[in-house]
Amino acid sequence: MRPGTRVADAILRLLSRDWAGLAIALLAAAAGAWCVTLGTGWRILGGVLCAVALALALGSLRHLMHVARVRVRYPPPGRMVDVGGYRMHILAEGDAGPRPTVVWMPGGHAGGYAMYRLHALARERTRSVLVDRPGSGWSDPGPFPRTTAAEAVELLMALERAGEKGPYVFVGHSFGGLLMANAARRRPDLVAGLVLLDPTPPDVVAFGPSLPALRHAVRDQTALALRHLFGLHALVSRNEARSLEDPTQVLAVIETRTKANCAAASILRELSPDGITRDGWQTVVHDGELGSLPLFLVAPRDLTGGDKIFDAVDDPEESARVRHFFLTVRERFLAASSAARRVYTPEGTGHDFPDRVPEFVVQVVDSLLDERGPGAPDPF
């Protein structure tokens, strides 16, 4: 591991603790007091540092009070499971009966509650499980650095220690699809099928044009962690009053704890050219690695919602090439299994289709649960 990476992980590890703001304020106050003792020329700087320390301390106390209130108001709805010195949160509901248990994983590095609407529909049909990756939702931060490979192992361990029984159908959206494919590769004996909802293709990172959303993701998550650490989450607090029945708002409030942003900043380093070069051999699922595992690749037929990417390319021929690249690269997941099937989402839907058409997604998952094979009903 490079020295710069170790330093970055040490910083994120510190910032993931909600009390870190007080420690930083104390250091600023100590530096200010030291400057005052150096004499007249340093007293102004010392006074400024002490004032900054006071502001940081007040902001940190505001954040800690917010965290304490959130803990009381939103206790974990599921179980906290020990996975080796830290805990992961698992919400499992419904009766599997003869069918496999469905395990959901959202995109980005969001907590499992991001897929609550899908879970609520699925638990009426079979056993359905939401899992918070370490740092997300109600889960503890876990060790740094965060990696897809480590989180695949943690997922499997958490399911086992929670007493859940395979076989599972793993369902993952976007970056969560990459994680679920990784977990299936490690324990195919526990997996009855895999449903990848427009999963993140590593080739996009390694060979595609630079995407601002990915290029700035680590910086933006770190900045958000610092904002939260010093109490700058007023917008979420105002929404909190009406969030009791809205899982998305509940998750937004829960993830104002700094661990969520720090864990996301750590693992999203994989989604950079340097990161995919460094970690790709553990992250990527290669052609044929899933054998004959039933796999549905569910994604839009076109590139709805991706216009910003292509508008940035002025040359028409190059823009057409970029479009072709994005259309074809996600199809690579079909090569991971000899029993893979392509499923197209409803016309007009984009990458966010799990939120827009949850009934369709659950219907696709149902078809895999019923058949346990590559075939699917005519609607798909």
Protein backbone atom coordinates (compact mmCIF):
# COMPACT_ATOMS: atom_id res chain seq x y z
CA MET A 1 0.00 0.00 0.00
CA ARG A 2 1.33 3.44 -0.95
CA PRO A 3 2.26 5.87 1.88
CA GLY A 4 -0.26 8.42 0.61
CA THR A 5 -2.99 5.79 0.73
CA ARG A 6 -2.08 4.87 4.30
CA VAL A 7 -2.26 8.51 5.34
CA ALA A 8 -5.62 8.99 3.62
CA ASP A 9 -7.01 5.91 5.34
CA ALA A 10 -5.71 7.08 8.72
CA ILE A 11 -7.45 10.44 8.21
CA LEU A 12 -10.72 8.80 7.16
CA ARG A 13 -10.50 6.38 10.09
CA LEU A 14 -10.22 9.36 12.46
CA LEU A 15 -12.97 11.39 10.81
CA SER A 16 -15.33 8.39 10.93
CA ARG A 17 -15.51 8.81 14.71
CA ASP A 18 -18.15 11.39 15.64
CA TRP A 19 -16.01 12.69 18.51
CA ALA A 20 -13.12 13.56 16.19
CA GLY A 21 -14.31 17.15 15.90
CA LEU A 22 -13.60 17.77 19.58
CA ALA A 23 -10.11 16.30 19.18
CA ILE A 24 -9.42 18.61 16.23
CA ALA A 25 -10.77 21.60 18.18
CA LEU A 26 -8.52 20.71 21.12
CA LEU A 27 -5.47 20.61 18.86
CA ALA A 28 -6.35 24.03 17.44
CA ALA A 29 -6.81 25.42 20.97
CA ALA A 30 -3.45 23.98 22.07
CA ALA A 31 -1.73 25.51 19.03
CA GLY A 32 -3.37 28.85 19.79
CA ALA A 33 -2.31 28.79 23.43
CA TRP A 34 1.24 27.93 22.40
CA CYS A 35 1.35 30.85 19.97
CA VAL A 36 0.22 33.23 22.71
CA THR A 37 3.16 32.18 24.89
CA LEU A 38 5.66 33.03 22.11
CA GLY A 39 5.23 36.76 22.52
CA THR A 40 3.52 39.80 21.06
CA GLY A 41 4.05 38.99 17.40
CA TRP A 42 2.31 35.63 17.76
CA ARG A 43 -0.62 36.68 19.94
CA ILE A 44 -2.88 37.67 17.05
CA LEU A 45 -2.38 34.29 15.40
CA GLY A 46 -2.89 32.60 18.77
CA GLY A 47 -6.15 34.50 19.28
CA VAL A 48 -7.38 33.54 15.81
CA LEU A 49 -6.57 29.87 16.44
CA CYS A 50 -8.37 29.95 19.78
CA ALA A 51 -11.43 31.53 18.14
CA VAL A 52 -11.37 28.87 15.41
CA ALA A 53 -11.02 26.17 18.08
CA LEU A 54 -14.07 27.53 19.90
CA ALA A 55 -16.14 27.53 16.69
CA LEU A 56 -15.03 23.98 15.87
CA ALA A 57 -15.83 22.79 19.38
CA LEU A 58 -19.31 24.31 19.30
CA GLY A 59 -19.98 22.76 15.90
CA SER A 60 -18.70 19.39 17.10
CA LEU A 61 -20.92 19.51 20.19
CA ARG A 62 -23.88 20.29 17.96
CA HIS A 63 -23.05 17.24 15.86
CA LEU A 64 -22.69 14.99 18.92
CA MET A 65 -26.05 16.16 20.25
CA HIS A 66 -27.58 15.47 16.84
CA VAL A 67 -26.06 11.96 16.80
CA ALA A 68 -27.39 11.24 20.31
CA ARG A 69 -30.89 12.34 19.28
CA VAL A 70 -30.78 10.24 16.10
CA ARG A 71 -29.70 7.15 18.06
CA VAL A 72 -32.71 7.46 20.34
CA ARG A 73 -35.19 8.32 17.61
CA TYR A 74 -34.05 5.76 15.03
CA PRO A 75 -32.83 2.54 16.68
CA PRO A 76 -31.77 -0.26 14.33
CA PRO A 77 -34.88 -1.95 12.91
CA GLY A 78 -32.99 -5.23 12.44
CA ARG A 79 -30.15 -7.08 14.14
CA MET A 80 -26.59 -5.95 14.83
CA VAL A 81 -24.29 -8.87 13.96
CA ASP A 82 -20.65 -9.13 15.04
CA VAL A 83 -18.29 -9.81 12.12
CA GLY A 84 -15.00 -9.78 13.97
CA GLY A 85 -14.83 -6.86 16.39
CA TYR A 86 -17.34 -4.61 14.61
CA ARG A 87 -21.03 -4.99 13.82
CA MET A 88 -23.15 -5.01 10.70
CA HIS A 89 -26.86 -4.31 10.61
CA ILE A 90 -29.18 -6.83 8.94
CA LEU A 91 -32.94 -6.51 8.49
CA ALA A 92 -34.48 -9.87 7.53
CA GLU A 93 -38.23 -10.32 7.13
CA GLY A 94 -40.64 -12.73 5.47
CA ASP A 95 -40.84 -16.50 5.14
CA ALA A 96 -38.68 -18.15 2.49
CA GLY A 97 -40.57 -21.41 2.40
CA PRO A 98 -39.18 -23.48 -0.50
CA ARG A 99 -37.79 -20.41 -2.27
CA PRO A 100 -34.32 -18.90 -1.88
CA THR A 101 -33.81 -15.88 0.35
CA VAL A 102 -33.35 -12.56 -1.49
CA VAL A 103 -30.50 -10.28 -0.37
CA TRP A 104 -30.51 -6.69 -1.64
CA MET A 105 -27.58 -4.28 -2.04
CA PRO A 106 -28.05 -0.65 -3.15
CA GLY A 107 -25.71 1.41 -5.28
CA GLY A 108 -23.07 3.88 -4.19
CA HIS A 109 -22.19 3.03 -0.63
CA ALA A 110 -25.68 3.57 0.74
CA GLY A 111 -27.25 1.62 3.56
CA GLY A 112 -29.65 -1.20 2.83
CA TYR A 113 -32.65 1.00 3.66
CA ALA A 114 -32.14 2.63 0.24
CA MET A 115 -33.85 -0.48 -1.19
CA TYR A 116 -36.59 -0.67 1.42
CA ARG A 117 -39.42 -0.30 -1.13
CA LEU A 118 -38.14 -3.38 -2.98
CA HIS A 119 -37.69 -5.24 0.31
CA ALA A 120 -41.24 -4.39 1.41
CA LEU A 121 -42.64 -5.86 -1.81
CA ALA A 122 -40.41 -8.94 -1.77
CA ARG A 123 -41.02 -9.92 1.90
CA GLU A 124 -44.63 -10.66 1.00
CA ARG A 125 -43.40 -13.37 -1.38
CA THR A 126 -40.26 -14.77 0.23
CA ARG A 127 -37.62 -14.00 2.86
CA SER A 128 -35.97 -10.68 2.09
CA VAL A 129 -32.80 -9.26 3.61
CA LEU A 130 -31.35 -5.76 3.68
CA VAL A 131 -27.70 -5.40 4.69
CA ASP A 132 -25.82 -2.25 5.68
CA ARG A 133 -22.22 -2.32 4.47
CA PRO A 134 -19.77 -1.29 7.22
CA GLY A 135 -20.03 2.44 7.70
CA SER A 136 -23.43 2.72 6.01
CA GLY A 137 -26.82 2.76 7.69
CA TRP A 138 -26.64 1.43 11.23
CA SER A 139 -23.45 -0.62 10.74
CA ASP A 140 -20.18 0.18 12.50
CA PRO A 141 -17.42 1.75 10.35
CA GLY A 142 -15.24 -1.37 10.17
CA PRO A 143 -11.54 -1.33 9.33
CA PHE A 144 -9.97 0.93 6.68
CA PRO A 145 -9.34 0.82 3.80
CA ARG A 146 -12.76 -0.27 2.61
CA THR A 147 -12.68 -2.47 -0.50
CA THR A 148 -15.25 -4.39 -2.53
CA ALA A 149 -13.38 -7.64 -1.90
CA ALA A 150 -13.40 -7.11 1.88
CA GLU A 151 -17.07 -6.15 1.87
CA ALA A 152 -17.99 -9.29 -0.09
CA VAL A 153 -16.38 -11.37 2.66
CA GLU A 154 -18.12 -9.28 5.35
CA LEU A 155 -21.49 -9.73 3.65
CA LEU A 156 -21.17 -13.51 3.60
CA MET A 157 -19.98 -13.58 7.20
CA ALA A 158 -22.82 -11.33 8.38
CA LEU A 159 -25.46 -13.52 6.73
CA GLU A 160 -23.98 -16.63 8.34
CA ARG A 161 -23.70 -15.10 11.81
CA ALA A 162 -27.22 -13.71 11.58
CA GLY A 163 -28.44 -17.27 11.13
CA GLU A 164 -29.69 -16.76 7.58
CA LYS A 165 -29.66 -19.86 5.40
CA GLY A 166 -28.84 -20.15 1.74
CA PRO A 167 -29.28 -20.57 -1.05
CA TYR A 168 -29.57 -16.85 -1.74
CA VAL A 169 -30.56 -14.77 -4.70
CA PHE A 170 -28.21 -11.78 -4.59
CA VAL A 171 -29.63 -8.56 -6.06
CA GLY A 172 -27.35 -5.53 -6.44
CA HIS A 173 -27.77 -2.14 -8.09
CA SER A 174 -24.90 -0.17 -9.65
CA PHE A 175 -21.84 -0.41 -7.37
CA GLY A 176 -23.86 -2.85 -5.26
CA GLY A 177 -24.09 -5.13 -8.30
CA LEU A 178 -20.31 -5.28 -8.46
CA LEU A 179 -20.25 -6.29 -4.79
CA MET A 180 -22.90 -8.99 -5.20
CA ALA A 181 -21.11 -10.50 -8.21
CA ASN A 182 -17.92 -10.55 -6.13
CA ALA A 183 -19.67 -12.33 -3.24
CA ALA A 184 -21.23 -14.87 -5.62
CA ARG A 185 -17.80 -15.62 -7.09
CA ARG A 186 -16.46 -16.39 -3.63
CA ARG A 187 -19.28 -18.68 -2.49
CA PRO A 188 -21.21 -19.99 -5.50
CA ASP A 189 -22.39 -22.89 -3.33
CA LEU A 190 -24.52 -20.42 -1.32
CA VAL A 191 -26.03 -18.65 -4.33
CA ALA A 192 -29.09 -19.76 -6.29
CA GLY A 193 -28.98 -16.81 -8.65
CA LEU A 194 -27.74 -13.31 -9.28
CA VAL A 195 -29.75 -10.27 -10.41
CA LEU A 196 -27.53 -7.34 -11.43
CA LEU A 197 -29.40 -4.05 -11.77
CA ASP A 198 -27.35 -1.94 -14.19
CA PRO A 199 -24.14 -2.91 -12.36
CA THR A 200 -21.02 -0.75 -12.44
CA PRO A 201 -18.69 -2.10 -15.16
CA PRO A 202 -15.04 -1.79 -14.07
CA ASP A 203 -14.15 -1.20 -17.73
CA VAL A 204 -15.90 2.19 -17.51
CA VAL A 205 -13.36 3.24 -14.88
CA ALA A 206 -10.34 1.68 -16.54
CA PHE A 207 -10.97 2.62 -20.17
CA GLY A 208 -13.86 5.08 -20.31
CA PRO A 209 -13.86 8.89 -20.45
CA SER A 210 -13.34 10.70 -17.17
CA LEU A 211 -16.66 11.10 -15.36
CA PRO A 212 -16.90 14.09 -12.99
CA ALA A 213 -19.21 12.22 -10.60
CA LEU A 214 -16.57 9.52 -10.11
CA ARG A 215 -13.55 11.82 -10.35
CA HIS A 216 -14.79 14.00 -7.47
CA ALA A 217 -16.56 11.32 -5.42
CA VAL A 218 -13.81 10.83 -2.81
CA ARG A 219 -13.29 14.58 -2.37
CA ASP A 220 -17.04 15.24 -2.09
CA GLN A 221 -17.60 12.47 0.47
CA THR A 222 -14.68 13.67 2.60
CA ALA A 223 -15.96 17.26 2.48
CA LEU A 224 -19.42 16.07 3.50
CA ALA A 225 -17.92 14.16 6.43
CA LEU A 226 -16.20 17.35 7.62
CA ARG A 227 -19.41 19.34 7.28
CA HIS A 228 -21.28 16.80 9.37
CA LEU A 229 -18.46 16.52 11.91
CA PHE A 230 -18.80 20.21 12.72
CA GLY A 231 -22.58 20.30 12.82
CA LEU A 232 -23.38 21.61 9.34
CA HIS A 233 -26.33 19.33 8.60
CA ALA A 234 -29.21 21.72 9.19
CA LEU A 235 -31.04 20.79 5.97
CA VAL A 236 -31.35 17.14 6.97
CA SER A 237 -32.44 18.17 10.47
CA ARG A 238 -35.31 20.21 9.04
CA ASN A 239 -36.44 17.25 6.98
CA GLU A 240 -36.17 14.93 9.95
CA ALA A 241 -39.54 15.92 11.38
CA ARG A 242 -41.36 14.42 8.41
CA SER A 243 -39.11 11.43 7.85
CA LEU A 244 -40.60 8.88 10.25
CA GLU A 245 -42.50 7.01 7.53
CA ASP A 246 -40.08 7.63 4.64
CA PRO A 247 -37.21 5.11 4.51
CA THR A 248 -35.18 7.38 2.22
CA GLN A 249 -35.38 10.24 4.72
CA VAL A 250 -34.66 7.90 7.64
CA LEU A 251 -31.48 6.75 5.88
CA ALA A 252 -30.51 10.36 5.10
CA VAL A 253 -30.75 11.23 8.79
CA ILE A 254 -28.94 8.08 9.95
CA GLU A 255 -26.11 8.72 7.50
CA THR A 256 -25.36 12.19 8.82
CA ARG A 257 -22.94 10.30 11.06
CA THR A 258 -19.48 10.77 9.62
CA LYS A 259 -18.77 7.05 9.29
CA ALA A 260 -21.05 6.85 6.25
CA ASN A 261 -19.15 9.45 4.23
CA CYS A 262 -15.71 8.23 5.35
CA ALA A 263 -16.45 4.61 4.42
CA ALA A 264 -17.83 5.74 1.05
CA ALA A 265 -14.77 7.92 0.41
CA SER A 266 -12.49 4.97 1.16
CA ILE A 267 -14.15 2.36 -1.03
CA LEU A 268 -14.93 4.75 -3.90
CA ARG A 269 -11.20 5.11 -4.46
CA GLU A 270 -11.57 1.81 -6.34
CA LEU A 271 -13.60 3.67 -8.96
CA SER A 272 -10.61 5.57 -10.29
CA PRO A 273 -7.99 4.51 -12.84
CA ASP A 274 -5.38 4.11 -10.10
CA GLY A 275 -7.80 2.28 -7.83
CA ILE A 276 -9.01 -0.18 -10.43
CA THR A 277 -5.40 -0.88 -11.42
CA ARG A 278 -4.48 -1.52 -7.79
CA ASP A 279 -7.57 -3.48 -6.66
CA GLY A 280 -9.20 -4.65 -9.88
CA TRP A 281 -7.85 -8.20 -9.74
CA GLN A 282 -9.84 -8.68 -6.50
CA THR A 283 -12.84 -6.56 -7.52
CA VAL A 284 -13.66 -7.73 -11.04
CA VAL A 285 -15.59 -10.89 -11.86
CA HIS A 286 -14.02 -12.26 -15.02
CA ASP A 287 -15.54 -14.16 -17.93
CA GLY A 288 -16.78 -17.61 -16.91
CA GLU A 289 -15.98 -17.20 -13.20
CA LEU A 290 -19.61 -17.80 -12.19
CA GLY A 291 -19.87 -21.07 -14.10
CA SER A 292 -23.53 -21.83 -14.88
CA LEU A 293 -24.98 -19.71 -12.09
CA PRO A 294 -28.33 -18.21 -13.19
CA LEU A 295 -27.68 -14.51 -13.81
CA PHE A 296 -30.05 -11.76 -14.95
CA LEU A 297 -28.46 -8.56 -16.20
CA VAL A 298 -31.23 -5.96 -15.88
CA ALA A 299 -30.53 -2.58 -17.46
CA PRO A 300 -32.09 -0.02 -19.82
CA ARG A 301 -31.95 -0.66 -23.54
CA ASP A 302 -30.57 2.82 -24.19
CA LEU A 303 -28.69 5.55 -22.30
CA THR A 304 -31.63 7.47 -20.87
CA GLY A 305 -30.46 9.96 -18.27
CA GLY A 306 -26.83 9.96 -19.40
CA ASP A 307 -26.94 12.98 -21.69
CA LYS A 308 -24.57 15.06 -19.53
CA ILE A 309 -21.79 12.58 -20.25
CA PHE A 310 -22.19 12.84 -24.00
CA ASP A 311 -22.90 16.56 -24.18
CA ALA A 312 -19.38 17.15 -22.87
CA VAL A 313 -17.95 15.49 -26.01
CA ASP A 314 -18.02 18.05 -28.82
CA ASP A 315 -16.93 15.86 -31.71
CA PRO A 316 -19.99 13.95 -33.09
CA GLU A 317 -17.97 10.90 -34.09
CA GLU A 318 -16.29 10.72 -30.70
CA SER A 319 -19.64 11.21 -28.97
CA ALA A 320 -21.06 8.28 -30.94
CA ARG A 321 -18.05 6.17 -29.94
CA VAL A 322 -18.57 7.05 -26.26
CA ARG A 323 -22.24 6.10 -26.50
CA HIS A 324 -21.34 2.77 -28.10
CA PHE A 325 -18.77 2.13 -25.38
CA PHE A 326 -21.27 2.69 -22.55
CA LEU A 327 -23.94 0.61 -24.27
CA THR A 328 -21.69 -2.40 -24.78
CA VAL A 329 -19.43 -2.39 -21.73
CA ARG A 330 -22.12 -3.33 -19.21
CA GLU A 331 -22.99 -6.36 -21.34
CA ARG A 332 -19.65 -7.85 -20.29
CA PHE A 333 -21.31 -9.14 -17.12
CA LEU A 334 -23.21 -11.62 -19.31
CA ALA A 335 -19.92 -13.40 -19.99
CA ALA A 336 -19.45 -14.19 -16.29
CA SER A 337 -21.94 -17.09 -16.48
CA SER A 338 -23.03 -19.51 -19.16
CA ALA A 339 -26.59 -19.18 -17.80
CA ALA A 340 -26.83 -15.41 -18.11
CA ARG A 341 -29.86 -13.62 -19.54
CA ARG A 342 -30.37 -9.99 -20.59
CA VAL A 343 -33.48 -8.26 -19.25
CA TYR A 344 -34.46 -4.80 -20.52
CA THR A 345 -36.11 -2.27 -18.23
CA PRO A 346 -39.32 -0.43 -19.24
CA GLU A 347 -38.90 2.17 -21.95
CA GLY A 348 -37.95 5.62 -20.67
CA THR A 349 -36.20 4.41 -17.52
CA GLY A 350 -32.57 5.15 -16.74
CA HIS A 351 -29.98 4.05 -14.22
CA ASP A 352 -32.33 4.88 -11.33
CA PHE A 353 -35.00 2.40 -12.49
CA PRO A 354 -35.07 0.43 -9.16
CA ASP A 355 -36.56 3.55 -7.53
CA ARG A 356 -38.87 4.35 -10.41
CA VAL A 357 -40.26 0.88 -11.19
CA PRO A 358 -39.79 -1.27 -8.04
CA GLU A 359 -42.68 -3.58 -8.98
CA PHE A 360 -40.92 -4.45 -12.24
CA VAL A 361 -37.68 -5.26 -10.39
CA VAL A 362 -39.46 -7.52 -7.90
CA GLN A 363 -41.23 -9.24 -10.80
CA VAL A 364 -37.87 -9.99 -12.43
CA VAL A 365 -36.49 -11.35 -9.15
CA ASP A 366 -39.67 -13.44 -8.76
CA SER A 367 -39.08 -15.03 -12.16
CA LEU A 368 -35.63 -16.15 -11.07
CA LEU A 369 -36.95 -17.42 -7.74
CA ASP A 370 -39.59 -19.48 -9.53
CA GLU A 371 -37.41 -20.93 -12.24
CA ARG A 372 -33.95 -21.09 -10.69
CA GLY A 373 -32.60 -21.12 -14.23
CA PRO A 374 -31.82 -18.88 -17.19
CA GLY A 375 -35.31 -18.96 -18.69
CA ALA A 376 -37.78 -16.17 -17.90
CA PRO A 377 -41.42 -15.45 -18.73
CA ASP A 378 -42.28 -13.70 -21.97
CA PRO A 379 -42.74 -10.22 -20.36
CA PHE A 380 -39.01 -10.08 -19.85
